[in-house]
Amino acid sequence: MSEQCAIREVQFQASGFWSEIFMENSNGDAPVIEQQLYSVDEAKVILRISRSKIYQQMSAPQPDGQPRLRSVKVGRTRRISVAAIQDYITLLEQEAEALFGEAA
């Protein structure tokens, strides 16, 4: 490992905030960034629903007024966080349980 890479790795490891976002790759060489925000196209692949359904869910309100699928605007594009995707899946499971008496 070069001296510059070693310095960078020490800086990443020293910062508590970054240790949550960065992880070591399988070789243990250098930190790898965990993706925190997904584009609509990436989210549709993860959730296996259409692009238009993603936009519908981002604009459809829950009873508390929050969108069913939360997103943030970055420039002119919408990004969906890992937490928002997990919350959306939990919401779907809760709805299935309410309708059918069991999680799907």
PDB file of N, CA and C in Angstrom:
ATOM      1  N   MET A   1       0.851  -1.169   0.000  1.00  0.00           N
ATOM      2  CA  MET A   1       0.000   0.000   0.000  1.00  0.00           C
ATOM      3  C   MET A   1       0.899   1.236   0.000  1.00  0.00           C
ATOM      4  N   SER A   2       0.562   2.215  -0.816  1.00  0.00           N
ATOM      5  CA  SER A   2       1.369   3.432  -0.880  1.00  0.00           C
ATOM      6  C   SER A   2       1.164   4.264   0.378  1.00  0.00           C
ATOM      7  N   GLU A   3       2.078   5.193   0.616  1.00  0.00           N
ATOM      8  CA  GLU A   3       2.005   6.038   1.809  1.00  0.00           C
ATOM      9  C   GLU A   3       0.752   6.905   1.789  1.00  0.00           C
ATOM     10  N   GLN A   4       0.392   7.434   0.598  1.00  0.00           N
ATOM     11  CA  GLN A   4      -0.817   8.263   0.490  1.00  0.00           C
ATOM     12  C   GLN A   4      -2.061   7.466   0.853  1.00  0.00           C
ATOM     13  N   CYS A   5      -2.166   6.231   0.368  1.00  0.00           N
ATOM     14  CA  CYS A   5      -3.325   5.388   0.674  1.00  0.00           C
ATOM     15  C   CYS A   5      -3.390   5.093   2.161  1.00  0.00           C
ATOM     16  N   ALA A   6      -2.243   4.838   2.774  1.00  0.00           N
ATOM     17  CA  ALA A   6      -2.208   4.544   4.211  1.00  0.00           C
ATOM     18  C   ALA A   6      -2.671   5.753   5.010  1.00  0.00           C
ATOM     19  N   ILE A   7      -2.255   6.948   4.621  1.00  0.00           N
ATOM     20  CA  ILE A   7      -2.676   8.173   5.311  1.00  0.00           C
ATOM     21  C   ILE A   7      -4.180   8.351   5.176  1.00  0.00           C
ATOM     22  N   ARG A   8      -4.715   8.159   3.964  1.00  0.00           N
ATOM     23  CA  ARG A   8      -6.145   8.291   3.731  1.00  0.00           C
ATOM     24  C   ARG A   8      -6.938   7.299   4.591  1.00  0.00           C
ATOM     25  N   GLU A   9      -6.447   6.075   4.664  1.00  0.00           N
ATOM     26  CA  GLU A   9      -7.139   5.043   5.428  1.00  0.00           C
ATOM     27  C   GLU A   9      -7.177   5.405   6.913  1.00  0.00           C
ATOM     28  N   VAL A  10      -6.082   5.921   7.438  1.00  0.00           N
ATOM     29  CA  VAL A  10      -6.036   6.326   8.839  1.00  0.00           C
ATOM     30  C   VAL A  10      -7.018   7.468   9.078  1.00  0.00           C
ATOM     31  N   GLN A  11      -7.096   8.423   8.159  1.00  0.00           N
ATOM     32  CA  GLN A  11      -8.034   9.530   8.313  1.00  0.00           C
ATOM     33  C   GLN A  11      -9.472   9.024   8.346  1.00  0.00           C
ATOM     34  N   PHE A  12      -9.824   8.081   7.478  1.00  0.00           N
ATOM     35  CA  PHE A  12     -11.172   7.537   7.459  1.00  0.00           C
ATOM     36  C   PHE A  12     -11.478   6.783   8.749  1.00  0.00           C
ATOM     37  N   GLN A  13     -10.527   6.027   9.239  1.00  0.00           N
ATOM     38  CA  GLN A  13     -10.746   5.243  10.443  1.00  0.00           C
ATOM     39  C   GLN A  13     -10.835   6.119  11.676  1.00  0.00           C
ATOM     40  N   ALA A  14     -10.159   7.265  11.675  1.00  0.00           N
ATOM     41  CA  ALA A  14     -10.137   8.145  12.838  1.00  0.00           C
ATOM     42  C   ALA A  14     -11.452   8.883  13.033  1.00  0.00           C
ATOM     43  N   SER A  15     -12.187   9.082  11.983  1.00  0.00           N
ATOM     44  CA  SER A  15     -13.437   9.842  12.066  1.00  0.00           C
ATOM     45  C   SER A  15     -14.603   8.906  12.347  1.00  0.00           C
ATOM     46  N   GLY A  16     -15.305   9.123  13.463  1.00  0.00           N
ATOM     47  CA  GLY A  16     -16.442   8.276  13.825  1.00  0.00           C
ATOM     48  C   GLY A  16     -17.568   8.351  12.816  1.00  0.00           C
ATOM     49  N   PHE A  17     -17.863   9.551  12.313  1.00  0.00           N
ATOM     50  CA  PHE A  17     -18.926   9.715  11.327  1.00  0.00           C
ATOM     51  C   PHE A  17     -18.647   8.904  10.082  1.00  0.00           C
ATOM     52  N   TRP A  18     -17.426   9.018   9.591  1.00  0.00           N
ATOM     53  CA  TRP A  18     -17.079   8.339   8.352  1.00  0.00           C
ATOM     54  C   TRP A  18     -17.035   6.836   8.513  1.00  0.00           C
ATOM     55  N   SER A  19     -16.774   6.353   9.719  1.00  0.00           N
ATOM     56  CA  SER A  19     -16.707   4.909   9.900  1.00  0.00           C
ATOM     57  C   SER A  19     -18.063   4.253   9.649  1.00  0.00           C
ATOM     58  N   GLU A  20     -19.147   5.012   9.820  1.00  0.00           N
ATOM     59  CA  GLU A  20     -20.475   4.472   9.523  1.00  0.00           C
ATOM     60  C   GLU A  20     -20.764   4.465   8.029  1.00  0.00           C
ATOM     61  N   ILE A  21     -20.186   5.383   7.284  1.00  0.00           N
ATOM     62  CA  ILE A  21     -20.449   5.478   5.858  1.00  0.00           C
ATOM     63  C   ILE A  21     -19.456   4.657   5.043  1.00  0.00           C
ATOM     64  N   PHE A  22     -18.237   4.553   5.532  1.00  0.00           N
ATOM     65  CA  PHE A  22     -17.214   3.803   4.814  1.00  0.00           C
ATOM     66  C   PHE A  22     -17.033   2.439   5.450  1.00  0.00           C
ATOM     67  N   MET A  23     -16.754   1.459   4.637  1.00  0.00           N
ATOM     68  CA  MET A  23     -16.430   0.127   5.138  1.00  0.00           C
ATOM     69  C   MET A  23     -15.250  -0.397   4.352  1.00  0.00           C
ATOM     70  N   GLU A  24     -14.523  -1.357   4.915  1.00  0.00           N
ATOM     71  CA  GLU A  24     -13.400  -1.925   4.187  1.00  0.00           C
ATOM     72  C   GLU A  24     -13.908  -2.901   3.143  1.00  0.00           C
ATOM     73  N   ASN A  25     -13.218  -2.970   2.015  1.00  0.00           N
ATOM     74  CA  ASN A  25     -13.602  -3.939   1.002  1.00  0.00           C
ATOM     75  C   ASN A  25     -13.157  -5.331   1.443  1.00  0.00           C
ATOM     76  N   SER A  26     -13.455  -6.351   0.666  1.00  0.00           N
ATOM     77  CA  SER A  26     -13.169  -7.733   1.060  1.00  0.00           C
ATOM     78  C   SER A  26     -11.677  -8.001   1.267  1.00  0.00           C
ATOM     79  N   ASN A  27     -10.821  -7.232   0.616  1.00  0.00           N
ATOM     80  CA  ASN A  27      -9.377  -7.400   0.794  1.00  0.00           C
ATOM     81  C   ASN A  27      -8.876  -6.686   2.036  1.00  0.00           C
ATOM     82  N   GLY A  28      -9.697  -5.800   2.603  1.00  0.00           N
ATOM     83  CA  GLY A  28      -9.275  -5.021   3.754  1.00  0.00           C
ATOM     84  C   GLY A  28      -8.303  -3.917   3.394  1.00  0.00           C
ATOM     85  N   ASP A  29      -8.194  -3.601   2.109  1.00  0.00           N
ATOM     86  CA  ASP A  29      -7.206  -2.616   1.654  1.00  0.00           C
ATOM     87  C   ASP A  29      -7.630  -1.180   1.928  1.00  0.00           C
ATOM     88  N   ALA A  30      -8.691  -0.777   1.306  1.00  0.00           N
ATOM     89  CA  ALA A  30      -9.088   0.626   1.357  1.00  0.00           C
ATOM     90  C   ALA A  30     -10.578   0.720   1.658  1.00  0.00           C
ATOM     91  N   PRO A  31     -10.995   1.816   2.231  1.00  0.00           N
ATOM     92  CA  PRO A  31     -12.419   1.972   2.524  1.00  0.00           C
ATOM     93  C   PRO A  31     -13.249   2.073   1.252  1.00  0.00           C
ATOM     94  N   VAL A  32     -14.460   1.561   1.323  1.00  0.00           N
ATOM     95  CA  VAL A  32     -15.402   1.602   0.208  1.00  0.00           C
ATOM     96  C   VAL A  32     -16.635   2.344   0.702  1.00  0.00           C
ATOM     97  N   ILE A  33     -17.165   3.227  -0.106  1.00  0.00           N
ATOM     98  CA  ILE A  33     -18.336   4.011   0.293  1.00  0.00           C
ATOM     99  C   ILE A  33     -19.587   3.168   0.148  1.00  0.00           C
ATOM    100  N   GLU A  34     -20.396   3.126   1.223  1.00  0.00           N
ATOM    101  CA  GLU A  34     -21.708   2.498   1.139  1.00  0.00           C
ATOM    102  C   GLU A  34     -22.661   3.529   0.548  1.00  0.00           C
ATOM    103  N   GLN A  35     -23.455   3.128  -0.407  1.00  0.00           N
ATOM    104  CA  GLN A  35     -24.375   4.053  -1.043  1.00  0.00           C
ATOM    105  C   GLN A  35     -25.504   4.392  -0.078  1.00  0.00           C
ATOM    106  N   GLN A  36     -25.755   5.682   0.111  1.00  0.00           N
ATOM    107  CA  GLN A  36     -26.776   6.151   1.045  1.00  0.00           C
ATOM    108  C   GLN A  36     -28.035   6.644   0.339  1.00  0.00           C
ATOM    109  N   LEU A  37     -27.892   7.160  -0.873  1.00  0.00           N
ATOM    110  CA  LEU A  37     -29.020   7.683  -1.641  1.00  0.00           C
ATOM    111  C   LEU A  37     -29.083   6.991  -2.992  1.00  0.00           C
ATOM    112  N   TYR A  38     -30.302   6.665  -3.405  1.00  0.00           N
ATOM    113  CA  TYR A  38     -30.502   6.002  -4.687  1.00  0.00           C
ATOM    114  C   TYR A  38     -31.332   6.886  -5.609  1.00  0.00           C
ATOM    115  N   SER A  39     -31.040   6.817  -6.895  1.00  0.00           N
ATOM    116  CA  SER A  39     -31.863   7.502  -7.887  1.00  0.00           C
ATOM    117  C   SER A  39     -33.185   6.756  -8.024  1.00  0.00           C
ATOM    118  N   VAL A  40     -34.136   7.352  -8.688  1.00  0.00           N
ATOM    119  CA  VAL A  40     -35.428   6.701  -8.912  1.00  0.00           C
ATOM    120  C   VAL A  40     -35.230   5.398  -9.689  1.00  0.00           C
ATOM    121  N   ASP A  41     -34.361   5.422 -10.690  1.00  0.00           N
ATOM    122  CA  ASP A  41     -34.114   4.212 -11.474  1.00  0.00           C
ATOM    123  C   ASP A  41     -33.485   3.101 -10.631  1.00  0.00           C
ATOM    124  N   GLU A  42     -32.588   3.462  -9.716  1.00  0.00           N
ATOM    125  CA  GLU A  42     -31.992   2.453  -8.839  1.00  0.00           C
ATOM    126  C   GLU A  42     -33.020   1.917  -7.851  1.00  0.00           C
ATOM    127  N   ALA A  43     -33.852   2.808  -7.320  1.00  0.00           N
ATOM    128  CA  ALA A  43     -34.888   2.390  -6.358  1.00  0.00           C
ATOM    129  C   ALA A  43     -35.910   1.468  -7.023  1.00  0.00           C
ATOM    130  N   LYS A  44     -36.236   1.721  -8.275  1.00  0.00           N
ATOM    131  CA  LYS A  44     -37.206   0.855  -8.950  1.00  0.00           C
ATOM    132  C   LYS A  44     -36.668  -0.557  -9.129  1.00  0.00           C
ATOM    133  N   VAL A  45     -35.358  -0.675  -9.311  1.00  0.00           N
ATOM    134  CA  VAL A  45     -34.741  -1.998  -9.413  1.00  0.00           C
ATOM    135  C   VAL A  45     -34.762  -2.688  -8.048  1.00  0.00           C
ATOM    136  N   ILE A  46     -34.432  -1.952  -7.010  1.00  0.00           N
ATOM    137  CA  ILE A  46     -34.414  -2.515  -5.657  1.00  0.00           C
ATOM    138  C   ILE A  46     -35.815  -2.977  -5.245  1.00  0.00           C
ATOM    139  N   LEU A  47     -36.815  -2.130  -5.488  1.00  0.00           N
ATOM    140  CA  LEU A  47     -38.187  -2.434  -5.074  1.00  0.00           C
ATOM    141  C   LEU A  47     -38.953  -3.274  -6.094  1.00  0.00           C
ATOM    142  N   ARG A  48     -38.407  -3.368  -7.295  1.00  0.00           N
ATOM    143  CA  ARG A  48     -39.032  -4.112  -8.393  1.00  0.00           C
ATOM    144  C   ARG A  48     -40.437  -3.592  -8.710  1.00  0.00           C
ATOM    145  N   ILE A  49     -40.510  -2.258  -8.791  1.00  0.00           N
ATOM    146  CA  ILE A  49     -41.745  -1.603  -9.240  1.00  0.00           C
ATOM    147  C   ILE A  49     -41.373  -0.597 -10.321  1.00  0.00           C
ATOM    148  N   SER A  50     -42.360  -0.141 -11.066  1.00  0.00           N
ATOM    149  CA  SER A  50     -42.083   0.748 -12.194  1.00  0.00           C
ATOM    150  C   SER A  50     -41.680   2.151 -11.730  1.00  0.00           C
ATOM    151  N   ARG A  51     -41.061   2.869 -12.651  1.00  0.00           N
ATOM    152  CA  ARG A  51     -40.658   4.253 -12.394  1.00  0.00           C
ATOM    153  C   ARG A  51     -41.870   5.119 -12.038  1.00  0.00           C
ATOM    154  N   SER A  52     -42.962   4.942 -12.770  1.00  0.00           N
ATOM    155  CA  SER A  52     -44.157   5.746 -12.487  1.00  0.00           C
ATOM    156  C   SER A  52     -44.745   5.401 -11.117  1.00  0.00           C
ATOM    157  N   LYS A  53     -44.659   4.140 -10.717  1.00  0.00           N
ATOM    158  CA  LYS A  53     -45.145   3.737  -9.396  1.00  0.00           C
ATOM    159  C   LYS A  53     -44.284   4.372  -8.302  1.00  0.00           C
ATOM    160  N   ILE A  54     -42.986   4.477  -8.534  1.00  0.00           N
ATOM    161  CA  ILE A  54     -42.104   5.162  -7.566  1.00  0.00           C
ATOM    162  C   ILE A  54     -42.570   6.595  -7.372  1.00  0.00           C
ATOM    163  N   TYR A  55     -42.807   7.317  -8.481  1.00  0.00           N
ATOM    164  CA  TYR A  55     -43.255   8.703  -8.373  1.00  0.00           C
ATOM    165  C   TYR A  55     -44.636   8.796  -7.722  1.00  0.00           C
ATOM    166  N   GLN A  56     -45.526   7.858  -8.003  1.00  0.00           N
ATOM    167  CA  GLN A  56     -46.841   7.841  -7.343  1.00  0.00           C
ATOM    168  C   GLN A  56     -46.679   7.699  -5.833  1.00  0.00           C
ATOM    169  N   GLN A  57     -45.818   6.793  -5.419  1.00  0.00           N
ATOM    170  CA  GLN A  57     -45.622   6.546  -3.993  1.00  0.00           C
ATOM    171  C   GLN A  57     -44.933   7.724  -3.299  1.00  0.00           C
ATOM    172  N   MET A  58     -44.111   8.462  -4.025  1.00  0.00           N
ATOM    173  CA  MET A  58     -43.466   9.642  -3.454  1.00  0.00           C
ATOM    174  C   MET A  58     -44.464  10.786  -3.258  1.00  0.00           C
ATOM    175  N   SER A  59     -45.545  10.790  -4.049  1.00  0.00           N
ATOM    176  CA  SER A  59     -46.525  11.871  -3.916  1.00  0.00           C
ATOM    177  C   SER A  59     -47.776  11.456  -3.146  1.00  0.00           C
ATOM    178  N   ALA A  60     -47.989  10.152  -2.949  1.00  0.00           N
ATOM    179  CA  ALA A  60     -49.177   9.671  -2.225  1.00  0.00           C
ATOM    180  C   ALA A  60     -48.964   9.827  -0.721  1.00  0.00           C
ATOM    181  N   PRO A  61     -49.898  10.522  -0.043  1.00  0.00           N
ATOM    182  CA  PRO A  61     -49.715  10.732   1.399  1.00  0.00           C
ATOM    183  C   PRO A  61     -50.224   9.545   2.229  1.00  0.00           C
ATOM    184  N   GLN A  62     -49.568   9.337   3.359  1.00  0.00           N
ATOM    185  CA  GLN A  62     -50.057   8.419   4.379  1.00  0.00           C
ATOM    186  C   GLN A  62     -51.062   9.194   5.227  1.00  0.00           C
ATOM    187  N   PRO A  63     -51.759   8.544   6.157  1.00  0.00           N
ATOM    188  CA  PRO A  63     -52.698   9.275   7.023  1.00  0.00           C
ATOM    189  C   PRO A  63     -52.050  10.410   7.818  1.00  0.00           C
ATOM    190  N   ASP A  64     -50.763  10.284   8.143  1.00  0.00           N
ATOM    191  CA  ASP A  64     -50.080  11.346   8.902  1.00  0.00           C
ATOM    192  C   ASP A  64     -49.589  12.485   8.014  1.00  0.00           C
ATOM    193  N   GLY A  65     -49.853  12.400   6.704  1.00  0.00           N
ATOM    194  CA  GLY A  65     -49.459  13.460   5.783  1.00  0.00           C
ATOM    195  C   GLY A  65     -48.102  13.257   5.135  1.00  0.00           C
ATOM    196  N   GLN A  66     -47.304  12.343   5.655  1.00  0.00           N
ATOM    197  CA  GLN A  66     -46.001  12.050   5.070  1.00  0.00           C
ATOM    198  C   GLN A  66     -46.185  11.228   3.796  1.00  0.00           C
ATOM    199  N   PRO A  67     -45.293  11.385   2.822  1.00  0.00           N
ATOM    200  CA  PRO A  67     -45.400  10.552   1.610  1.00  0.00           C
ATOM    201  C   PRO A  67     -45.131   9.088   1.938  1.00  0.00           C
ATOM    202  N   ARG A  68     -45.741   8.207   1.171  1.00  0.00           N
ATOM    203  CA  ARG A  68     -45.534   6.771   1.384  1.00  0.00           C
ATOM    204  C   ARG A  68     -44.071   6.386   1.174  1.00  0.00           C
ATOM    205  N   LEU A  69     -43.427   7.028   0.213  1.00  0.00           N
ATOM    206  CA  LEU A  69     -42.009   6.801  -0.053  1.00  0.00           C
ATOM    207  C   LEU A  69     -41.319   8.159  -0.003  1.00  0.00           C
ATOM    208  N   ARG A  70     -40.543   8.381   1.057  1.00  0.00           N
ATOM    209  CA  ARG A  70     -39.862   9.667   1.232  1.00  0.00           C
ATOM    210  C   ARG A  70     -38.709   9.809   0.242  1.00  0.00           C
ATOM    211  N   SER A  71     -38.454  11.044  -0.140  1.00  0.00           N
ATOM    212  CA  SER A  71     -37.330  11.337  -1.034  1.00  0.00           C
ATOM    213  C   SER A  71     -36.800  12.724  -0.731  1.00  0.00           C
ATOM    214  N   VAL A  72     -35.616  12.996  -1.239  1.00  0.00           N
ATOM    215  CA  VAL A  72     -35.026  14.327  -1.119  1.00  0.00           C
ATOM    216  C   VAL A  72     -34.690  14.815  -2.516  1.00  0.00           C
ATOM    217  N   LYS A  73     -34.662  16.108  -2.666  1.00  0.00           N
ATOM    218  CA  LYS A  73     -34.320  16.680  -3.954  1.00  0.00           C
ATOM    219  C   LYS A  73     -32.854  17.098  -3.931  1.00  0.00           C
ATOM    220  N   VAL A  74     -32.100  16.628  -4.906  1.00  0.00           N
ATOM    221  CA  VAL A  74     -30.694  16.995  -5.068  1.00  0.00           C
ATOM    222  C   VAL A  74     -30.586  17.605  -6.454  1.00  0.00           C
ATOM    223  N   GLY A  75     -30.443  18.922  -6.481  1.00  0.00           N
ATOM    224  CA  GLY A  75     -30.465  19.609  -7.775  1.00  0.00           C
ATOM    225  C   GLY A  75     -31.846  19.465  -8.386  1.00  0.00           C
ATOM    226  N   ARG A  76     -31.903  18.897  -9.581  1.00  0.00           N
ATOM    227  CA  ARG A  76     -33.181  18.696 -10.260  1.00  0.00           C
ATOM    228  C   ARG A  76     -33.694  17.270 -10.143  1.00  0.00           C
ATOM    229  N   THR A  77     -32.967  16.426  -9.422  1.00  0.00           N
ATOM    230  CA  THR A  77     -33.350  15.013  -9.342  1.00  0.00           C
ATOM    231  C   THR A  77     -33.830  14.638  -7.944  1.00  0.00           C
ATOM    232  N   ARG A  78     -34.571  13.570  -7.874  1.00  0.00           N
ATOM    233  CA  ARG A  78     -35.039  13.006  -6.610  1.00  0.00           C
ATOM    234  C   ARG A  78     -34.128  11.857  -6.227  1.00  0.00           C
ATOM    235  N   ARG A  79     -33.795  11.770  -4.951  1.00  0.00           N
ATOM    236  CA  ARG A  79     -33.004  10.672  -4.407  1.00  0.00           C
ATOM    237  C   ARG A  79     -33.781  10.049  -3.250  1.00  0.00           C
ATOM    238  N   ILE A  80     -33.630   8.747  -3.101  1.00  0.00           N
ATOM    239  CA  ILE A  80     -34.356   8.001  -2.079  1.00  0.00           C
ATOM    240  C   ILE A  80     -33.323   7.344  -1.176  1.00  0.00           C
ATOM    241  N   SER A  81     -33.431   7.594   0.126  1.00  0.00           N
ATOM    242  CA  SER A  81     -32.452   7.063   1.069  1.00  0.00           C
ATOM    243  C   SER A  81     -32.712   5.588   1.364  1.00  0.00           C
ATOM    244  N   VAL A  82     -31.686   4.943   1.873  1.00  0.00           N
ATOM    245  CA  VAL A  82     -31.795   3.543   2.279  1.00  0.00           C
ATOM    246  C   VAL A  82     -32.884   3.414   3.342  1.00  0.00           C
ATOM    247  N   ALA A  83     -32.901   4.337   4.300  1.00  0.00           N
ATOM    248  CA  ALA A  83     -33.905   4.307   5.371  1.00  0.00           C
ATOM    249  C   ALA A  83     -35.319   4.458   4.808  1.00  0.00           C
ATOM    250  N   ALA A  84     -35.498   5.323   3.804  1.00  0.00           N
ATOM    251  CA  ALA A  84     -36.823   5.517   3.203  1.00  0.00           C
ATOM    252  C   ALA A  84     -37.292   4.246   2.500  1.00  0.00           C
ATOM    253  N   ILE A  85     -36.374   3.547   1.852  1.00  0.00           N
ATOM    254  CA  ILE A  85     -36.728   2.282   1.191  1.00  0.00           C
ATOM    255  C   ILE A  85     -37.125   1.243   2.233  1.00  0.00           C
ATOM    256  N   GLN A  86     -36.364   1.156   3.324  1.00  0.00           N
ATOM    257  CA  GLN A  86     -36.689   0.216   4.393  1.00  0.00           C
ATOM    258  C   GLN A  86     -38.038   0.549   5.030  1.00  0.00           C
ATOM    259  N   ASP A  87     -38.295   1.839   5.255  1.00  0.00           N
ATOM    260  CA  ASP A  87     -39.582   2.259   5.833  1.00  0.00           C
ATOM    261  C   ASP A  87     -40.742   1.937   4.904  1.00  0.00           C
ATOM    262  N   TYR A  88     -40.530   2.092   3.608  1.00  0.00           N
ATOM    263  CA  TYR A  88     -41.578   1.781   2.629  1.00  0.00           C
ATOM    264  C   TYR A  88     -41.896   0.285   2.638  1.00  0.00           C
ATOM    265  N   ILE A  89     -40.868  -0.543   2.723  1.00  0.00           N
ATOM    266  CA  ILE A  89     -41.083  -1.987   2.785  1.00  0.00           C
ATOM    267  C   ILE A  89     -41.841  -2.351   4.062  1.00  0.00           C
ATOM    268  N   THR A  90     -41.486  -1.727   5.178  1.00  0.00           N
ATOM    269  CA  THR A  90     -42.187  -1.955   6.441  1.00  0.00           C
ATOM    270  C   THR A  90     -43.649  -1.547   6.323  1.00  0.00           C
ATOM    271  N   LEU A  91     -43.908  -0.416   5.670  1.00  0.00           N
ATOM    272  CA  LEU A  91     -45.280   0.043   5.449  1.00  0.00           C
ATOM    273  C   LEU A  91     -46.071  -0.972   4.641  1.00  0.00           C
ATOM    274  N   LEU A  92     -45.473  -1.503   3.586  1.00  0.00           N
ATOM    275  CA  LEU A  92     -46.145  -2.514   2.764  1.00  0.00           C
ATOM    276  C   LEU A  92     -46.454  -3.770   3.577  1.00  0.00           C
ATOM    277  N   GLU A  93     -45.515  -4.174   4.421  1.00  0.00           N
ATOM    278  CA  GLU A  93     -45.732  -5.347   5.268  1.00  0.00           C
ATOM    279  C   GLU A  93     -46.865  -5.108   6.258  1.00  0.00           C
ATOM    280  N   GLN A  94     -46.921  -3.905   6.840  1.00  0.00           N
ATOM    281  CA  GLN A  94     -47.991  -3.567   7.787  1.00  0.00           C
ATOM    282  C   GLN A  94     -49.351  -3.565   7.095  1.00  0.00           C
ATOM    283  N   GLU A  95     -49.395  -3.024   5.886  1.00  0.00           N
ATOM    284  CA  GLU A  95     -50.652  -3.013   5.127  1.00  0.00           C
ATOM    285  C   GLU A  95     -51.102  -4.429   4.780  1.00  0.00           C
ATOM    286  N   ALA A  96     -50.161  -5.280   4.398  1.00  0.00           N
ATOM    287  CA  ALA A  96     -50.494  -6.671   4.076  1.00  0.00           C
ATOM    288  C   ALA A  96     -51.007  -7.396   5.314  1.00  0.00           C
ATOM    289  N   GLU A  97     -50.379  -7.128   6.446  1.00  0.00           N
ATOM    290  CA  GLU A  97     -50.808  -7.765   7.692  1.00  0.00           C
ATOM    291  C   GLU A  97     -52.208  -7.306   8.084  1.00  0.00           C
ATOM    292  N   ALA A  98     -52.493  -6.016   7.898  1.00  0.00           N
ATOM    293  CA  ALA A  98     -53.817  -5.488   8.220  1.00  0.00           C
ATOM    294  C   ALA A  98     -54.892  -6.081   7.308  1.00  0.00           C
ATOM    295  N   LEU A  99     -54.569  -6.274   6.037  1.00  0.00           N
ATOM    296  CA  LEU A  99     -55.540  -6.803   5.081  1.00  0.00           C
ATOM    297  C   LEU A  99     -55.726  -8.308   5.190  1.00  0.00           C
ATOM    298  N   PHE A 100     -54.615  -9.025   5.338  1.00  0.00           N
ATOM    299  CA  PHE A 100     -54.661 -10.472   5.257  1.00  0.00           C
ATOM    300  C   PHE A 100     -54.373 -11.193   6.571  1.00  0.00           C
ATOM    301  N   GLY A 101     -54.034 -10.438   7.612  1.00  0.00           N
ATOM    302  CA  GLY A 101     -53.769 -11.028   8.913  1.00  0.00           C
ATOM    303  C   GLY A 101     -52.380 -11.645   9.046  1.00  0.00           C
ATOM    304  N   GLU A 102     -51.547 -11.484   8.024  1.00  0.00           N
ATOM    305  CA  GLU A 102     -50.183 -11.995   8.083  1.00  0.00           C
ATOM    306  C   GLU A 102     -49.293 -11.196   7.157  1.00  0.00           C
ATOM    307  N   ALA A 103     -48.001 -11.202   7.454  1.00  0.00           N
ATOM    308  CA  ALA A 103     -47.056 -10.514   6.576  1.00  0.00           C
ATOM    309  C   ALA A 103     -46.895 -11.322   5.288  1.00  0.00           C
ATOM    310  N   ALA A 104     -46.779 -10.611   4.186  1.00  0.00           N
ATOM    311  CA  ALA A 104     -46.662 -11.281   2.892  1.00  0.00           C
ATOM    312  C   ALA A 104     -45.321 -11.920   2.703  1.00  0.00           C
TER     313      ALA A 104
END
